[in-house]
N, C-alpha and C. Protein backbone atom coordinates (compact mmCIF):
# COMPACT_ATOMS: atom_id res chain seq x y z
N MET A 1 0.86 -1.24 0.04
CA MET A 1 -0.02 -0.23 0.01
C MET A 1 0.79 1.34 -0.03
N ILE A 2 1.02 1.97 -0.95
CA ILE A 2 1.29 3.44 -1.01
C ILE A 2 1.12 4.49 -0.35
N ASN A 3 2.00 4.77 0.39
CA ASN A 3 1.08 6.01 1.19
C ASN A 3 0.98 7.72 0.65
N SER A 4 -0.42 7.88 0.89
CA SER A 4 -0.52 8.84 -0.12
C SER A 4 -0.71 10.32 0.69
N ASP A 5 -0.32 10.15 1.96
CA ASP A 5 -0.11 11.00 2.73
C ASP A 5 0.74 12.57 2.33
N PRO A 6 0.16 13.99 1.87
CA PRO A 6 0.97 15.01 1.68
C PRO A 6 2.40 15.55 2.36
N ALA A 7 1.68 14.83 3.77
CA ALA A 7 2.81 15.53 4.95
C ALA A 7 3.78 14.50 4.69
N HIS A 8 3.66 13.55 4.03
CA HIS A 8 4.86 12.52 4.32
C HIS A 8 5.33 11.88 3.00
N SER A 9 5.50 12.91 1.61
CA SER A 9 5.60 12.81 0.53
C SER A 9 7.42 12.66 0.67
N PRO A 10 7.63 12.24 0.02
CA PRO A 10 8.98 11.69 -0.11
C PRO A 10 9.92 13.21 0.03
N ALA A 11 9.60 14.08 -1.08
CA ALA A 11 10.03 15.36 -1.13
C ALA A 11 10.05 15.83 0.46
N GLN A 12 9.35 16.03 1.47
CA GLN A 12 9.24 16.44 2.63
C GLN A 12 9.92 15.81 3.30
N LEU A 13 9.93 14.60 3.49
CA LEU A 13 10.87 13.48 4.21
C LEU A 13 12.25 14.00 4.42
N SER A 14 12.71 14.07 2.99
CA SER A 14 14.09 14.72 2.70
C SER A 14 14.47 15.96 2.98
N SER A 15 13.32 17.01 3.40
CA SER A 15 13.98 18.54 3.94
C SER A 15 13.73 18.28 5.46
N HIS A 16 13.56 16.94 5.74
CA HIS A 16 13.39 16.50 7.38
C HIS A 16 14.59 16.08 7.93
N SER A 17 14.97 15.68 7.00
CA SER A 17 16.28 15.01 7.16
C SER A 17 17.76 15.21 7.87
N SER A 18 18.45 14.78 8.28
CA SER A 18 19.30 15.00 9.54
C SER A 18 20.65 15.89 8.46
N PHE A 19 20.67 15.62 6.88
CA PHE A 19 21.80 16.36 6.46
C PHE A 19 21.12 17.82 6.18
N ASP A 20 19.72 17.78 6.19
CA ASP A 20 19.40 18.88 5.48
C ASP A 20 19.37 19.87 6.63
N ASN A 21 19.65 19.44 7.77
CA ASN A 21 19.22 20.12 9.24
C ASN A 21 20.33 20.76 9.50
N PRO A 22 20.78 22.29 9.27
CA PRO A 22 21.67 22.58 9.59
C PRO A 22 22.38 22.78 11.07
N ALA A 23 21.28 22.48 12.17
CA ALA A 23 21.74 22.20 13.38
C ALA A 23 22.98 20.95 13.00
N SER A 24 22.05 19.61 12.96
CA SER A 24 22.98 18.48 12.03
C SER A 24 24.09 18.84 11.89
N LYS A 25 24.17 19.41 10.29
CA LYS A 25 25.40 20.17 9.54
C LYS A 25 26.33 20.46 10.51
N GLU A 26 26.41 21.05 11.47
CA GLU A 26 27.46 21.90 12.23
C GLU A 26 27.58 20.90 13.49
N LYS A 27 26.81 20.31 13.55
CA LYS A 27 27.35 18.88 14.89
C LYS A 27 28.25 17.97 14.01
N MET A 28 28.16 17.65 12.49
CA MET A 28 29.02 16.85 12.35
C MET A 28 30.33 17.30 11.70
N THR A 29 30.22 18.80 11.62
CA THR A 29 31.67 18.95 11.23
C THR A 29 32.16 19.46 12.32
N ASN A 30 31.95 19.32 13.47
CA ASN A 30 32.06 19.41 14.55
C ASN A 30 32.81 17.99 15.20
N THR A 31 32.10 17.42 15.29
CA THR A 31 32.69 16.31 15.54
C THR A 31 34.05 15.57 14.67
N LYS A 32 33.88 15.91 13.45
CA LYS A 32 35.22 15.95 12.26
C LYS A 32 35.97 17.02 12.46
N ASP A 33 36.13 17.88 13.11
CA ASP A 33 37.16 19.02 13.69
C ASP A 33 37.43 18.04 14.98
N ASN A 34 36.80 18.15 15.97
CA ASN A 34 37.15 17.22 16.78
C ASN A 34 38.36 16.68 16.87
N LYS A 35 37.62 15.14 15.69
CA LYS A 35 38.88 13.92 15.62
C LYS A 35 39.77 14.26 14.91
N VAL A 36 39.96 15.48 14.19
CA VAL A 36 40.85 16.08 13.54
C VAL A 36 42.15 16.48 14.10
N GLU A 37 41.43 17.28 15.24
CA GLU A 37 42.19 17.73 16.43
C GLU A 37 42.94 16.78 17.50
N GLU A 38 42.06 15.29 17.65
CA GLU A 38 42.66 14.23 18.76
C GLU A 38 43.62 13.70 17.87
N VAL A 39 43.84 13.68 16.05
CA VAL A 39 44.41 12.80 15.69
C VAL A 39 46.11 14.03 15.77
N LYS A 40 45.61 15.05 15.47
CA LYS A 40 47.13 16.17 15.35
C LYS A 40 47.79 16.25 16.89
N GLU A 41 46.47 16.08 17.67
CA GLU A 41 47.47 16.03 19.19
C GLU A 41 48.09 15.16 19.47
N SER A 42 47.24 13.72 19.22
CA SER A 42 47.74 12.07 19.15
C SER A 42 49.50 12.03 18.59
N GLU A 43 49.30 12.81 17.16
CA GLU A 43 50.70 12.95 16.54
C GLU A 43 51.50 13.30 17.05
N GLU A 44 51.68 14.76 18.09
CA GLU A 44 52.07 15.30 18.53
C GLU A 44 52.91 14.52 19.78
N ILE A 45 52.05 13.98 20.52
CA ILE A 45 52.45 13.33 21.57
C ILE A 45 53.13 12.11 21.32
N SER A 46 53.29 11.64 20.10
CA SER A 46 53.61 10.31 19.20
C SER A 46 55.22 11.17 19.13
N LYS A 47 55.55 12.38 18.57
CA LYS A 47 56.60 13.26 18.17
C LYS A 47 57.64 12.92 19.52
N ALA A 48 56.56 13.54 20.40
CA ALA A 48 57.62 13.90 21.52
C ALA A 48 57.65 12.52 22.41
N PHE A 49 57.45 11.94 22.61
CA PHE A 49 57.48 10.79 22.82
C PHE A 49 58.95 10.04 21.98
N ALA A 50 58.57 10.31 20.63
CA ALA A 50 59.92 9.29 19.81
C ALA A 50 61.86 10.73 20.40
N ALA A 51 61.02 11.88 20.34
CA ALA A 51 62.18 12.88 20.66
C ALA A 51 62.55 12.69 22.09
N VAL A 52 62.02 12.08 23.12
CA VAL A 52 62.94 12.16 24.18
C VAL A 52 63.35 10.60 24.29
N ALA A 53 62.86 9.91 23.61
CA ALA A 53 62.93 8.13 23.99
C ALA A 53 64.66 8.49 23.09
N GLY A 54 65.11 9.50 21.79
CA GLY A 54 65.77 9.65 21.11
C GLY A 54 67.47 10.22 21.99
N VAL A 55 66.56 11.67 22.91
CA VAL A 55 67.63 11.89 23.72
C VAL A 55 68.12 10.96 24.77
N ARG A 56 66.93 10.04 25.33
CA ARG A 56 67.49 9.13 25.85
C ARG A 56 68.74 8.37 25.66
N LYS A 57 68.76 7.47 24.49
CA LYS A 57 68.99 6.68 23.61
C LYS A 57 70.69 7.22 23.85
N GLU A 58 70.71 8.77 23.79
CA GLU A 58 72.68 9.57 23.63
C GLU A 58 72.94 9.61 24.78
N VAL A 59 72.06 10.02 26.01
CA VAL A 59 72.47 9.69 27.44
C VAL A 59 72.40 8.76 27.98
N ASP A 60 72.43 7.56 27.38
CA ASP A 60 72.79 6.16 27.86
C ASP A 60 74.17 5.91 27.31
N LYS A 61 74.25 6.26 26.09
CA LYS A 61 75.99 5.83 26.08
C LYS A 61 76.43 7.22 26.54
N LEU A 62 76.35 8.30 27.17
CA LEU A 62 77.32 9.09 27.71
C LEU A 62 77.38 8.49 28.91
N SER A 63 76.41 8.25 29.64
CA SER A 63 76.11 7.66 31.09
C SER A 63 77.18 6.30 30.87
N GLU A 64 77.69 5.95 30.03
CA GLU A 64 78.60 4.70 30.53
C GLU A 64 80.10 5.59 30.38
N ARG A 65 79.94 6.54 29.83
CA ARG A 65 81.20 7.61 29.39
C ARG A 65 81.32 8.19 31.03
N VAL A 66 80.90 8.70 31.52
CA VAL A 66 80.18 9.24 32.96
C VAL A 66 80.77 8.22 33.74
N VAL A 67 80.47 6.93 33.56
CA VAL A 67 80.73 5.69 34.43
C VAL A 67 82.57 5.28 34.58
N ALA A 68 82.95 5.47 33.38
CA ALA A 68 83.75 5.02 33.30
C ALA A 68 84.98 5.93 33.53
N LEU A 69 84.69 7.10 33.78
CA LEU A 69 85.12 8.63 34.43
C LEU A 69 84.95 8.09 35.71
N GLU A 70 84.56 8.37 36.34
CA GLU A 70 84.24 7.65 37.48
C GLU A 70 84.71 6.60 38.43
N VAL A 71 85.25 5.06 37.65
CA VAL A 71 85.48 4.54 38.18
C VAL A 71 87.82 4.79 37.42
N ALA A 72 87.37 5.69 36.34
CA ALA A 72 89.41 5.96 36.42
C ALA A 72 89.62 6.84 37.70
N VAL A 73 89.12 7.74 37.85
CA VAL A 73 88.98 8.84 38.90
C VAL A 73 89.22 8.03 40.44
N ASN A 74 88.23 7.24 40.52
CA ASN A 74 88.15 6.82 42.17
C ASN A 74 89.62 5.68 42.11
N SER A 75 90.13 5.02 40.99
CA SER A 75 91.02 4.35 41.08
C SER A 75 92.46 4.87 41.45
N GLY A 76 92.30 6.32 41.32
CA GLY A 76 93.83 7.08 41.17
C GLY A 76 94.28 7.36 39.89
N THR A 77 93.52 7.04 39.17
CA THR A 77 94.14 7.49 37.10
C THR A 77 93.95 8.71 37.36
N LYS A 78 95.06 9.53 36.72
CA LYS A 78 94.98 10.86 36.67
C LYS A 78 94.81 10.36 34.75
N VAL A 79 93.26 11.83 34.53
CA VAL A 79 92.68 12.00 33.55
C VAL A 79 92.46 13.07 33.04
N THR A 80 92.97 13.72 31.98
CA THR A 80 92.94 15.47 31.07
C THR A 80 91.85 15.66 31.54
N ASP A 81 91.68 16.89 31.18
CA ASP A 81 90.59 17.92 31.49
C ASP A 81 89.57 17.83 29.85
N GLU A 82 90.13 17.81 28.97
CA GLU A 82 89.44 16.97 28.13
C GLU A 82 88.23 15.55 28.48
N GLU A 83 88.98 14.58 28.71
CA GLU A 83 87.75 13.83 28.90
C GLU A 83 86.56 14.16 29.99
N PHE A 84 86.78 15.07 30.76
CA PHE A 84 85.39 15.68 31.27
C PHE A 84 84.60 16.56 30.48
N VAL A 85 85.40 17.55 29.91
CA VAL A 85 85.23 18.44 29.01
C VAL A 85 83.84 18.03 28.04
N VAL A 86 84.25 17.13 26.86
CA VAL A 86 83.65 17.05 25.95
C VAL A 86 82.07 15.64 26.38
N PRO A 87 82.53 14.82 27.23
CA PRO A 87 81.05 14.58 27.65
C PRO A 87 80.68 15.58 28.36
N ALA A 88 80.80 16.46 28.81
CA ALA A 88 80.11 17.82 29.52
C ALA A 88 79.07 18.13 28.39
N GLU A 89 79.92 18.71 27.42
CA GLU A 89 79.01 19.64 26.47
C GLU A 89 78.10 18.42 26.02
N LEU A 90 78.45 17.33 25.53
CA LEU A 90 77.81 16.12 24.68
C LEU A 90 76.18 16.19 25.46
N LEU A 91 75.97 16.93 27.05
CA LEU A 91 75.10 16.39 27.76
C LEU A 91 74.06 17.50 27.61
N MET A 92 75.05 19.26 27.60
CA MET A 92 74.83 20.06 27.54
C MET A 92 73.81 19.88 26.27
N ARG A 93 74.22 19.46 24.81
CA ARG A 93 73.69 19.21 23.73
C ARG A 93 72.11 18.57 24.02
N GLU A 94 72.13 17.43 24.27
CA GLU A 94 71.21 16.38 24.66
C GLU A 94 70.07 17.46 25.38
N LEU A 95 70.26 18.33 26.65
CA LEU A 95 69.60 19.62 27.24
C LEU A 95 68.82 20.05 26.60
N LEU A 96 69.73 20.72 25.33
CA LEU A 96 68.96 21.65 24.70
C LEU A 96 67.43 21.19 24.17
N LYS A 97 68.43 20.23 23.23
CA LYS A 97 67.21 19.20 22.73
C LYS A 97 66.00 19.18 23.20
N LEU A 98 66.11 18.66 24.39
CA LEU A 98 65.03 18.05 25.63
C LEU A 98 64.35 19.72 25.82
N ASP A 99 64.73 20.90 25.79
CA ASP A 99 64.16 21.89 25.81
C ASP A 99 63.62 22.68 25.05
N GLY A 100 64.11 21.82 23.68
CA GLY A 100 62.91 22.29 22.33
C GLY A 100 61.86 21.36 22.37
N ILE A 101 61.67 20.82 23.04
CA ILE A 101 60.52 19.47 22.71
C ILE A 101 59.67 19.91 23.12
N GLY A 102 58.56 20.39 22.65
CA GLY A 102 57.26 20.46 23.17
C GLY A 102 56.44 19.17 23.78
N ALA A 103 55.61 19.02 24.70
CA ALA A 103 55.17 18.30 25.46
C ALA A 103 54.07 18.31 26.30
N GLU A 104 53.37 17.63 26.29
CA GLU A 104 52.16 17.63 27.63
C GLU A 104 51.94 16.10 28.32
N GLY A 105 51.28 16.28 29.00
CA GLY A 105 50.69 14.78 29.92
C GLY A 105 52.41 13.84 29.95
N GLU A 106 52.30 12.79 29.86
CA GLU A 106 53.24 11.89 30.22
C GLU A 106 54.70 12.33 29.53
N ALA A 107 54.35 12.70 28.51
CA ALA A 107 55.62 12.84 27.57
C ALA A 107 56.32 14.04 28.03
N ARG A 108 55.76 14.88 28.49
CA ARG A 108 56.22 16.44 29.89
C ARG A 108 56.80 15.41 30.74
N LEU A 109 56.92 14.81 31.63
CA LEU A 109 57.24 13.81 32.59
C LEU A 109 57.99 13.20 32.30
N GLN A 110 58.29 12.29 31.21
CA GLN A 110 59.23 11.60 30.62
C GLN A 110 60.35 12.99 30.49
N ARG A 111 60.48 13.71 29.53
CA ARG A 111 60.69 14.72 29.50
C ARG A 111 62.02 15.10 30.29
N LYS A 112 60.86 15.53 31.83
CA LYS A 112 61.24 15.97 32.68
C LYS A 112 62.44 15.46 33.66
N ALA A 113 62.34 13.86 33.52
CA ALA A 113 62.65 13.00 34.22
C ALA A 113 64.38 12.98 33.27
N GLU A 114 64.44 12.92 31.79
CA GLU A 114 65.94 13.33 31.35
C GLU A 114 66.62 14.63 32.01
N VAL A 115 66.13 15.03 32.07
CA VAL A 115 66.60 16.58 32.32
C VAL A 115 66.83 16.39 33.38
N ARG A 116 66.22 16.40 34.73
CA ARG A 116 66.90 15.51 35.55
C ARG A 116 68.43 14.65 35.55
N ARG A 117 68.40 13.63 34.86
CA ARG A 117 69.47 12.59 34.92
C ARG A 117 70.31 13.02 34.11
N ILE A 118 70.08 14.37 32.99
CA ILE A 118 71.26 14.77 32.55
C ILE A 118 71.72 15.84 33.77
N GLN A 119 71.17 16.33 34.23
CA GLN A 119 71.45 17.22 35.42
C GLN A 119 72.96 16.70 36.21
N LYS A 120 72.57 15.39 36.89
CA LYS A 120 73.11 14.33 38.16
C LYS A 120 74.27 13.98 36.96
N TYR A 121 74.27 13.67 35.65
CA TYR A 121 75.48 13.15 35.22
C TYR A 121 76.30 14.65 35.28
N HIS A 122 75.91 15.76 35.38
CA HIS A 122 76.70 16.64 34.72
C HIS A 122 77.33 17.44 36.23
N GLU A 123 76.74 16.60 37.20
CA GLU A 123 76.84 17.06 38.66
C GLU A 123 78.26 15.99 39.01
N THR A 124 77.77 15.09 38.24
CA THR A 124 78.81 14.16 38.47
C THR A 124 80.10 14.15 37.84
N LEU A 125 80.45 14.59 36.81
CA LEU A 125 81.31 14.98 35.91
C LEU A 125 82.06 16.64 36.92
N ASP A 126 81.84 17.32 36.80
CA ASP A 126 81.85 18.56 38.08
C ASP A 126 82.53 18.00 38.90
N LYS A 127 81.87 16.85 39.83
CA LYS A 127 82.92 16.31 41.37
C LYS A 127 83.98 15.66 40.48
N LEU A 128 83.86 14.81 40.30
CA LEU A 128 85.02 13.57 39.58
C LEU A 128 85.66 14.62 39.39
N ASN A 129 85.81 15.94 38.21
CA ASN A 129 87.02 17.11 37.58
C ASN A 129 87.49 17.36 39.12
N THR A 130 86.88 17.52 39.67
CA THR A 130 86.80 18.45 40.73
C THR A 130 88.11 17.72 41.65
N ILE A 131 87.88 16.12 41.81
CA ILE A 131 89.03 15.29 42.66
C ILE A 131 90.00 15.02 41.60
N ASN A 132 89.95 15.21 40.35
CA ASN A 132 91.37 14.53 39.27
C ASN A 132 92.05 15.92 39.93
N SER A 133 91.42 17.11 39.54
CA SER A 133 92.44 18.66 39.67
C SER A 133 93.22 18.40 40.90
N ASN A 134 92.63 17.98 42.34
CA ASN A 134 93.01 17.82 43.60
C ASN A 134 93.13 17.31 44.06
N PRO A 135 93.86 15.56 43.95
CA PRO A 135 94.34 14.84 44.25
C PRO A 135 94.07 14.61 46.32
N PHE A 136 94.46 15.89 47.05
CA PHE A 136 94.52 15.77 48.08
C PHE A 136 92.90 16.31 48.43
N SER A 137 91.62 16.17 47.56
CA SER A 137 90.69 16.78 47.84
C SER A 137 89.53 15.76 48.52
N ASP A 138 90.14 14.68 47.77
CA ASP A 138 89.38 13.35 48.97
C ASP A 138 90.27 12.90 50.06
N LYS A 139 89.85 13.22 51.04
CA LYS A 139 90.08 12.68 52.37
C LYS A 139 90.63 11.01 52.78
N HIS A 140 89.93 10.29 51.83
CA HIS A 140 90.23 8.87 51.70
C HIS A 140 91.62 8.50 51.63
N LYS A 141 91.87 9.70 49.92
CA LYS A 141 93.14 9.18 49.29
C LYS A 141 94.48 10.11 50.09
N ALA A 142 93.99 11.11 51.20
CA ALA A 142 94.88 11.45 51.26
C ALA A 142 95.97 10.94 52.13
N VAL A 143 97.16 11.15 51.90
CA VAL A 143 97.89 10.37 52.51
C VAL A 143 99.02 11.10 54.07
N SER A 144 99.00 10.48 55.05
CA SER A 144 99.60 11.41 56.48
C SER A 144 100.33 10.59 56.76
N VAL A 145 101.35 11.83 57.12
CA VAL A 145 102.51 11.41 57.47
C VAL A 145 102.86 11.80 58.49
N THR A 146 103.09 10.73 59.78
CA THR A 146 104.03 11.19 61.03
C THR A 146 105.45 10.48 61.54
N THR A 147 105.93 11.22 62.04
CA THR A 147 107.11 11.46 62.30
C THR A 147 107.06 11.24 64.08
N ASN A 148 108.35 10.04 64.19
CA ASN A 148 108.47 9.57 65.49
C ASN A 148 109.71 10.00 65.76
N TRP A 149 109.70 10.97 66.39
CA TRP A 149 110.90 11.52 67.12
C TRP A 149 111.53 10.63 67.78
N GLU A 150 112.61 10.45 68.45
CA GLU A 150 113.56 9.98 69.33
C GLU A 150 114.16 10.75 69.92
N THR A 151 114.04 10.72 71.50
CA THR A 151 114.35 11.61 72.24
C THR A 151 115.96 10.77 73.05
N PHE A 152 116.68 11.63 73.26
CA PHE A 152 118.05 11.30 73.80
C PHE A 152 118.28 11.40 75.22
N ASP A 153 118.83 10.56 75.49
CA ASP A 153 119.22 10.76 77.14
C ASP A 153 120.13 11.95 77.35
N SER A 154 120.39 12.68 78.41
CA SER A 154 121.46 13.52 78.32
C SER A 154 122.15 13.16 79.46
C-alpha cells in the first residue's frame, strides 16, 4: 500500500532529514574537527615521546662514559681535562634538545625525568673533575705522614 499522505511525501521527508538540518551539519562538522584535532594531538604526543626516547638513547651512551671516568678517577688514575669537557658538552647538547621538545602529559613527565638525569650526570662530572684536578681533596686518598721523634738521654 502506497502512502498518499501529502504530509509524508518523499520531498518533505528529505527536507526533515538530518543532512539538510543546519544544526546537524554543524554537529557533524564539529565532530570531524574534533577527530582531526585528536589525531593532531596524538601525532604531537607521539613525536614528543620519540624525541625524548632519542635523547634518552644518547644519554645512555654518555652515561657509560661518565661511569668509566668515575671508575678511573676513583682508582687514582689521572685523567685529562678534555675527558670531562667533552661528555659535559655533549650532555648540554642533549639538554638543549629536550628544551626544544614541546610535550604535554606523560611525555612532559618523561622529558622532565631526562632533564634531571642529565643534570645528575653533569654534577657527577663536575665532582670527578674536581677530585681529578686536586688529588688531596678526597680525604680517603690523602696521605698522612707521622714522624716518630727519638729522644736522647742527656
